[in-house]
Structure formats: structure tokens, C-alpha cells
Amino acid sequence: MEDLQQTMGAVIRRERRERHLTLKDLAERAGLSVVYLGEIERGKKYPSALVLERLAKALDLDVPDLLEYVADEMRGVTLPRMAIGFTLPEPQPQPAISRTTPTGQIISMLVA
């Protein structure tokens, strides 16, 4: 299983790129330095709960959705790229859908 810190960074990078944002764009939206965001994306730093909230908001996501993407990545859940001889189109970013777990519970789990 891949390291949580590296997976978190990879998911944040993927979500940033899907939204056609540069490191600088996302860093400015989240109120972070470009260097710190780069370290998070490379799996060198793990974001605090507050930074996760800011990154999720800057990516137009809810924190539970961002964490669900990380969980899916760690489980190895992927979309098929080929189906019956043809290539599927790239998935388009979807608007954030709030899940049943309140953000406060997620933050509490991260801090504990």
C-alpha cells in the first residue's frame, strides 16, 4: 500500500491539474506558499487539517470528498481506460457533492 502522505499529495496534484490550475494558482487560492504546496504534492509534507480544508475549498471540493478520493486511490479504485475496443473519454470534474459525514467529524479524526 502506498504511503498516505504520498497518496494525499498525488490526489491534490491530480485534482489541481484536472482543474487546469498551476501550483501558483492553487497556492494563492488556498493561501499557501508555492514551495509548501509543491512539498505536499510530492509527498514530502503532510497537510494539517486546516490546510486540507483550505486546499479542498480552493479545489471546489468538500473535505470528505477530497478524503474519499484519497481513500479510493489507496484502495486502487480506478476507472477503466478501455472498454470493448474503444477508449473512454477522460472523466470531467464534477461539482462537489456533500457526503453524509460532517466535515467536523473528519477534522476530529485527523487531529486525534
Protein backbone atom coordinates (compact mmCIF):
# COMPACT_ATOMS: atom_id res chain seq x y z
CA MET A 1 0.00 0.00 0.00
CA GLU A 2 1.30 3.40 -0.94
CA ASP A 3 2.19 5.86 1.79
CA LEU A 4 -0.72 8.10 2.88
CA GLN A 5 1.37 11.26 2.64
CA GLN A 6 2.41 10.49 -0.95
CA THR A 7 -1.11 9.48 -1.91
CA MET A 8 -2.57 12.68 -0.46
CA GLY A 9 -0.08 14.71 -2.48
CA ALA A 10 -0.79 12.76 -5.67
CA VAL A 11 -4.55 13.29 -5.31
CA ILE A 12 -4.14 17.02 -4.68
CA ARG A 13 -1.88 17.28 -7.74
CA ARG A 14 -4.36 15.30 -9.88
CA GLU A 15 -7.31 17.44 -8.78
CA ARG A 16 -5.30 20.62 -9.42
CA ARG A 17 -4.33 19.51 -12.90
CA GLU A 18 -7.88 18.40 -13.76
CA ARG A 19 -8.96 21.96 -12.99
CA HIS A 20 -6.16 23.36 -15.16
CA LEU A 21 -4.61 25.21 -12.22
CA THR A 22 -0.92 25.91 -11.80
CA LEU A 23 0.84 25.39 -8.49
CA LYS A 24 0.85 29.15 -8.10
CA ASP A 25 -2.90 29.42 -8.81
CA LEU A 26 -3.82 26.80 -6.21
CA ALA A 27 -1.34 28.12 -3.67
CA GLU A 28 -2.84 31.61 -3.98
CA ARG A 29 -6.40 30.30 -3.70
CA ALA A 30 -5.51 28.29 -0.60
CA GLY A 31 -3.29 30.96 0.98
CA LEU A 32 -0.20 28.74 0.89
CA SER A 33 3.30 29.22 -0.44
CA VAL A 34 4.12 27.59 -3.77
CA VAL A 35 7.06 25.81 -2.12
CA TYR A 36 4.87 24.31 0.63
CA LEU A 37 2.20 23.20 -1.84
CA GLY A 38 4.89 21.62 -4.02
CA GLU A 39 6.20 19.70 -0.99
CA ILE A 40 2.67 18.48 -0.23
CA GLU A 41 2.15 17.33 -3.82
CA ARG A 42 5.48 15.48 -3.84
CA GLY A 43 4.59 13.73 -0.58
CA LYS A 44 7.33 15.47 1.42
CA LYS A 45 4.92 17.27 3.76
CA TYR A 46 1.57 16.20 5.14
CA PRO A 47 -1.02 18.98 5.29
CA SER A 48 -2.66 19.81 8.60
CA ALA A 49 -6.44 19.64 8.94
CA LEU A 50 -6.64 23.42 8.40
CA VAL A 51 -4.51 23.22 5.25
CA LEU A 52 -6.64 20.31 3.97
CA GLU A 53 -9.75 22.45 4.45
CA ARG A 54 -8.17 25.33 2.56
CA LEU A 55 -6.98 23.10 -0.28
CA ALA A 56 -10.36 21.40 -0.60
CA LYS A 57 -12.12 24.76 -0.74
CA ALA A 58 -9.62 26.07 -3.30
CA LEU A 59 -10.33 22.97 -5.43
CA ASP A 60 -14.11 23.47 -5.03
CA LEU A 61 -14.38 20.25 -3.03
CA ASP A 62 -15.66 19.33 0.40
CA VAL A 63 -13.05 17.86 2.75
CA PRO A 64 -14.89 14.49 2.93
CA ASP A 65 -14.86 14.29 -0.87
CA LEU A 66 -11.13 15.01 -1.01
CA LEU A 67 -10.51 12.35 1.64
CA GLU A 68 -12.73 9.91 -0.28
CA TYR A 69 -10.57 10.45 -3.37
CA VAL A 70 -7.51 9.66 -1.27
CA ALA A 71 -9.19 6.53 0.11
CA ASP A 72 -10.18 5.42 -3.40
CA GLU A 73 -6.60 5.94 -4.59
CA MET A 74 -5.26 3.88 -1.70
CA ARG A 75 -7.77 1.12 -2.42
CA GLY A 76 -6.65 1.13 -6.03
CA VAL A 77 -10.04 2.15 -7.39
CA THR A 78 -9.54 3.32 -10.97
CA LEU A 79 -11.75 4.00 -13.93
CA PRO A 80 -11.18 1.69 -16.91
CA ARG A 81 -9.43 3.39 -19.84
CA MET A 82 -10.54 0.84 -22.48
CA ALA A 83 -13.93 -0.77 -22.92
CA ILE A 84 -14.89 -3.18 -25.71
CA GLY A 85 -12.30 -1.92 -28.15
CA PHE A 86 -12.70 1.83 -27.67
CA THR A 87 -11.17 4.37 -25.33
CA LEU A 88 -13.38 6.02 -22.77
CA PRO A 89 -13.28 9.82 -22.56
CA GLU A 90 -11.43 11.45 -19.69
CA PRO A 91 -13.71 12.00 -16.69
CA GLN A 92 -14.81 15.60 -16.30
CA PRO A 93 -14.61 17.30 -12.90
CA GLN A 94 -17.95 17.06 -11.20
CA PRO A 95 -19.43 19.61 -8.82
CA ALA A 96 -18.78 18.76 -5.21
CA ILE A 97 -21.47 16.59 -3.66
CA SER A 98 -21.60 16.64 0.08
CA ARG A 99 -21.45 13.20 1.65
CA THR A 100 -23.16 12.17 4.88
CA THR A 101 -20.09 12.59 7.10
CA PRO A 102 -19.89 16.13 8.50
CA THR A 103 -16.61 17.96 7.95
CA GLY A 104 -16.19 18.43 11.70
CA GLN A 105 -16.06 14.66 12.22
CA ILE A 106 -13.37 14.30 9.56
CA ILE A 107 -11.32 17.10 11.10
CA SER A 108 -11.67 15.46 14.54
CA MET A 109 -10.44 12.14 13.12
CA LEU A 110 -7.41 13.83 11.53
CA VAL A 111 -6.48 15.69 14.72
CA ALA A 112 -6.92 12.67 17.01
